[in-house]
């Protein structure tokens, strides 16, 4: 499983990355985290507002920083 964090590197994008890393660490699963800052790639994924989070190239949420617990839910649903 790979989780993509999509965003420009703004404070909200960095916070989403931090929450995602904490969620992955708590779950103890072998999950890769990729940060995507290229707006062409972000647009190609259909994202118009950041930050966004995708699991295995499927966008799960955009426009808000999710909590660690919500990210854990998304991961468990994506397994």
N, C-alpha and C. Protein backbone atom coordinates (compact mmCIF):
# COMPACT_ATOMS: atom_id res chain seq x y z
N UNK A 1 0.85 -1.18 0.00
CA UNK A 1 0.00 0.00 0.00
C UNK A 1 0.90 1.24 0.00
N UNK A 2 0.48 2.23 -0.77
CA UNK A 2 1.16 3.51 -0.82
C UNK A 2 0.16 4.62 -0.56
N UNK A 3 0.54 5.54 0.30
CA UNK A 3 -0.29 6.71 0.57
C UNK A 3 0.40 7.91 -0.06
N UNK A 4 -0.36 8.67 -0.84
CA UNK A 4 0.18 9.89 -1.45
C UNK A 4 -0.42 11.10 -0.73
N UNK A 5 0.46 12.02 -0.34
CA UNK A 5 0.06 13.31 0.20
C UNK A 5 0.24 14.31 -0.93
N UNK A 6 -0.83 14.98 -1.33
CA UNK A 6 -0.78 15.90 -2.46
C UNK A 6 -0.90 17.33 -1.96
N UNK A 7 0.05 18.15 -2.35
CA UNK A 7 0.01 19.55 -1.96
C UNK A 7 1.30 20.27 -2.27
N UNK A 8 1.26 21.57 -2.10
CA UNK A 8 2.38 22.42 -2.48
C UNK A 8 3.51 22.44 -1.46
N UNK A 9 3.25 21.94 -0.27
CA UNK A 9 4.23 22.02 0.79
C UNK A 9 3.86 23.10 1.80
N UNK A 10 2.62 23.55 1.74
CA UNK A 10 2.13 24.57 2.67
C UNK A 10 1.99 23.96 4.07
N UNK A 11 1.66 24.79 5.04
CA UNK A 11 1.53 24.34 6.42
C UNK A 11 0.49 23.22 6.56
N UNK A 12 -0.64 23.35 5.88
CA UNK A 12 -1.69 22.33 5.96
C UNK A 12 -1.23 21.01 5.33
N UNK A 13 -0.51 21.12 4.23
CA UNK A 13 0.01 19.92 3.56
C UNK A 13 1.02 19.21 4.47
N UNK A 14 1.88 19.99 5.10
CA UNK A 14 2.86 19.41 6.01
C UNK A 14 2.19 18.79 7.22
N UNK A 15 1.12 19.40 7.71
CA UNK A 15 0.39 18.84 8.85
C UNK A 15 -0.27 17.51 8.46
N UNK A 16 -0.83 17.44 7.26
CA UNK A 16 -1.43 16.19 6.79
C UNK A 16 -0.38 15.10 6.69
N UNK A 17 0.81 15.46 6.22
CA UNK A 17 1.89 14.47 6.14
C UNK A 17 2.27 13.99 7.54
N UNK A 18 2.35 14.89 8.49
CA UNK A 18 2.70 14.54 9.87
C UNK A 18 1.65 13.60 10.47
N UNK A 19 0.37 13.93 10.28
CA UNK A 19 -0.71 13.09 10.80
C UNK A 19 -0.70 11.70 10.14
N UNK A 20 -0.39 11.67 8.85
CA UNK A 20 -0.33 10.40 8.12
C UNK A 20 0.80 9.53 8.64
N UNK A 21 1.96 10.12 8.85
CA UNK A 21 3.10 9.35 9.38
C UNK A 21 2.78 8.81 10.76
N UNK A 22 2.10 9.60 11.59
CA UNK A 22 1.73 9.14 12.93
C UNK A 22 0.73 7.98 12.84
N UNK A 23 -0.23 8.07 11.92
CA UNK A 23 -1.23 7.00 11.75
C UNK A 23 -0.56 5.71 11.30
N UNK A 24 0.34 5.81 10.34
CA UNK A 24 1.03 4.64 9.82
C UNK A 24 1.89 4.01 10.92
N UNK A 25 2.57 4.84 11.70
CA UNK A 25 3.40 4.32 12.78
C UNK A 25 2.56 3.58 13.82
N UNK A 26 1.41 4.11 14.16
CA UNK A 26 0.54 3.45 15.14
C UNK A 26 -0.01 2.13 14.62
N UNK A 27 -0.31 2.07 13.35
CA UNK A 27 -0.84 0.83 12.78
C UNK A 27 0.24 -0.23 12.59
N UNK A 28 1.49 0.22 12.44
CA UNK A 28 2.59 -0.71 12.29
C UNK A 28 2.54 -1.52 11.01
N UNK A 29 1.97 -0.95 9.96
CA UNK A 29 1.85 -1.65 8.68
C UNK A 29 2.95 -1.18 7.72
N UNK A 30 3.33 -2.05 6.78
CA UNK A 30 4.35 -1.67 5.79
C UNK A 30 3.74 -0.79 4.70
N UNK A 31 3.63 0.49 4.99
CA UNK A 31 3.00 1.44 4.07
C UNK A 31 4.02 2.49 3.66
N UNK A 32 4.13 2.71 2.37
CA UNK A 32 5.02 3.76 1.85
C UNK A 32 4.22 5.07 1.79
N UNK A 33 4.91 6.16 2.12
CA UNK A 33 4.28 7.48 2.04
C UNK A 33 5.04 8.29 1.00
N UNK A 34 4.30 8.81 0.04
CA UNK A 34 4.88 9.61 -1.04
C UNK A 34 4.27 11.00 -0.99
N UNK A 35 5.12 12.02 -1.05
CA UNK A 35 4.63 13.39 -1.08
C UNK A 35 4.69 13.89 -2.52
N UNK A 36 3.56 14.34 -3.04
CA UNK A 36 3.49 14.82 -4.42
C UNK A 36 3.25 16.33 -4.40
N UNK A 37 4.20 17.07 -4.95
CA UNK A 37 4.09 18.53 -4.99
C UNK A 37 3.95 19.06 -6.41
N UNK A 38 4.09 18.20 -7.38
CA UNK A 38 3.99 18.59 -8.80
C UNK A 38 2.52 18.82 -9.15
N UNK A 39 2.17 20.07 -9.46
CA UNK A 39 0.78 20.41 -9.71
C UNK A 39 0.21 19.69 -10.93
N UNK A 40 1.06 19.32 -11.89
CA UNK A 40 0.57 18.55 -13.03
C UNK A 40 0.10 17.17 -12.58
N UNK A 41 0.88 16.52 -11.74
CA UNK A 41 0.49 15.21 -11.21
C UNK A 41 -0.75 15.32 -10.34
N UNK A 42 -0.80 16.36 -9.51
CA UNK A 42 -1.95 16.57 -8.63
C UNK A 42 -3.21 16.75 -9.48
N UNK A 43 -3.12 17.58 -10.52
CA UNK A 43 -4.25 17.79 -11.42
C UNK A 43 -4.65 16.53 -12.16
N UNK A 44 -3.65 15.75 -12.57
CA UNK A 44 -3.94 14.50 -13.27
C UNK A 44 -4.73 13.53 -12.39
N UNK A 45 -4.58 13.67 -11.08
CA UNK A 45 -5.32 12.82 -10.14
C UNK A 45 -6.71 13.38 -9.85
N UNK A 46 -7.04 14.51 -10.48
CA UNK A 46 -8.37 15.09 -10.33
C UNK A 46 -8.54 15.97 -9.11
N UNK A 47 -7.44 16.34 -8.48
CA UNK A 47 -7.51 17.15 -7.27
C UNK A 47 -7.45 18.63 -7.65
N UNK A 48 -8.43 19.37 -7.17
CA UNK A 48 -8.50 20.80 -7.46
C UNK A 48 -8.17 21.64 -6.23
N UNK A 49 -8.19 21.04 -5.05
CA UNK A 49 -7.90 21.76 -3.81
C UNK A 49 -7.04 20.86 -2.93
N UNK A 50 -6.01 21.46 -2.33
CA UNK A 50 -5.11 20.71 -1.47
C UNK A 50 -5.22 21.23 -0.05
N UNK A 51 -4.77 20.48 0.92
CA UNK A 51 -4.09 19.19 0.81
C UNK A 51 -5.08 18.08 0.46
N UNK A 52 -4.51 17.01 -0.07
CA UNK A 52 -5.31 15.84 -0.40
C UNK A 52 -4.54 14.59 -0.04
N UNK A 53 -5.28 13.53 0.17
CA UNK A 53 -4.66 12.25 0.50
C UNK A 53 -5.23 11.18 -0.44
N UNK A 54 -4.35 10.34 -0.95
CA UNK A 54 -4.76 9.25 -1.83
C UNK A 54 -4.13 7.96 -1.32
N UNK A 55 -4.83 6.87 -1.54
CA UNK A 55 -4.30 5.55 -1.20
C UNK A 55 -4.25 4.75 -2.49
N UNK A 56 -3.04 4.31 -2.82
CA UNK A 56 -2.82 3.56 -4.07
C UNK A 56 -3.41 4.30 -5.27
N UNK A 57 -3.12 5.60 -5.36
CA UNK A 57 -3.52 6.47 -6.46
C UNK A 57 -5.02 6.75 -6.55
N UNK A 58 -5.77 6.45 -5.50
CA UNK A 58 -7.19 6.77 -5.45
C UNK A 58 -7.39 7.86 -4.40
N UNK A 59 -7.83 9.04 -4.83
CA UNK A 59 -8.00 10.16 -3.91
C UNK A 59 -9.13 9.83 -2.94
N UNK A 60 -8.82 9.95 -1.65
CA UNK A 60 -9.79 9.65 -0.60
C UNK A 60 -10.38 10.90 0.03
N UNK A 61 -9.61 12.00 0.03
CA UNK A 61 -10.10 13.22 0.66
C UNK A 61 -9.26 14.39 0.18
N UNK A 62 -9.89 15.54 0.01
CA UNK A 62 -9.17 16.75 -0.42
C UNK A 62 -9.75 17.98 0.27
N UNK A 63 -8.88 18.93 0.52
CA UNK A 63 -9.31 20.23 1.02
C UNK A 63 -9.28 20.42 2.51
N UNK A 64 -8.81 19.41 3.25
CA UNK A 64 -8.83 19.51 4.70
C UNK A 64 -7.73 18.63 5.29
N UNK A 65 -7.20 19.05 6.43
CA UNK A 65 -6.24 18.23 7.16
C UNK A 65 -7.04 17.22 7.99
N UNK A 66 -6.83 15.96 7.72
CA UNK A 66 -7.52 14.92 8.47
C UNK A 66 -6.78 14.61 9.76
N UNK A 67 -7.53 14.11 10.75
CA UNK A 67 -6.90 13.69 11.99
C UNK A 67 -6.22 12.35 11.79
N UNK A 68 -5.33 12.03 12.69
CA UNK A 68 -4.64 10.75 12.66
C UNK A 68 -5.64 9.60 12.70
N UNK A 69 -6.67 9.71 13.53
CA UNK A 69 -7.65 8.64 13.64
C UNK A 69 -8.46 8.47 12.35
N UNK A 70 -8.79 9.56 11.69
CA UNK A 70 -9.52 9.47 10.41
C UNK A 70 -8.64 8.83 9.35
N UNK A 71 -7.36 9.16 9.35
CA UNK A 71 -6.43 8.56 8.38
C UNK A 71 -6.31 7.07 8.65
N UNK A 72 -6.27 6.67 9.90
CA UNK A 72 -6.22 5.25 10.24
C UNK A 72 -7.46 4.54 9.70
N UNK A 73 -8.62 5.18 9.79
CA UNK A 73 -9.84 4.60 9.24
C UNK A 73 -9.72 4.38 7.73
N UNK A 74 -9.21 5.40 7.04
CA UNK A 74 -9.05 5.29 5.58
C UNK A 74 -8.10 4.15 5.22
N UNK A 75 -7.04 4.02 5.99
CA UNK A 75 -6.06 2.95 5.73
C UNK A 75 -6.72 1.59 5.92
N UNK A 76 -7.45 1.44 7.01
CA UNK A 76 -8.08 0.15 7.30
C UNK A 76 -9.16 -0.18 6.27
N UNK A 77 -9.86 0.83 5.78
CA UNK A 77 -10.85 0.60 4.73
C UNK A 77 -10.20 0.21 3.41
N UNK A 78 -8.96 0.70 3.18
CA UNK A 78 -8.26 0.45 1.93
C UNK A 78 -7.51 -0.86 1.88
N UNK A 79 -7.46 -1.58 2.99
CA UNK A 79 -6.71 -2.85 3.02
C UNK A 79 -7.43 -3.94 2.29
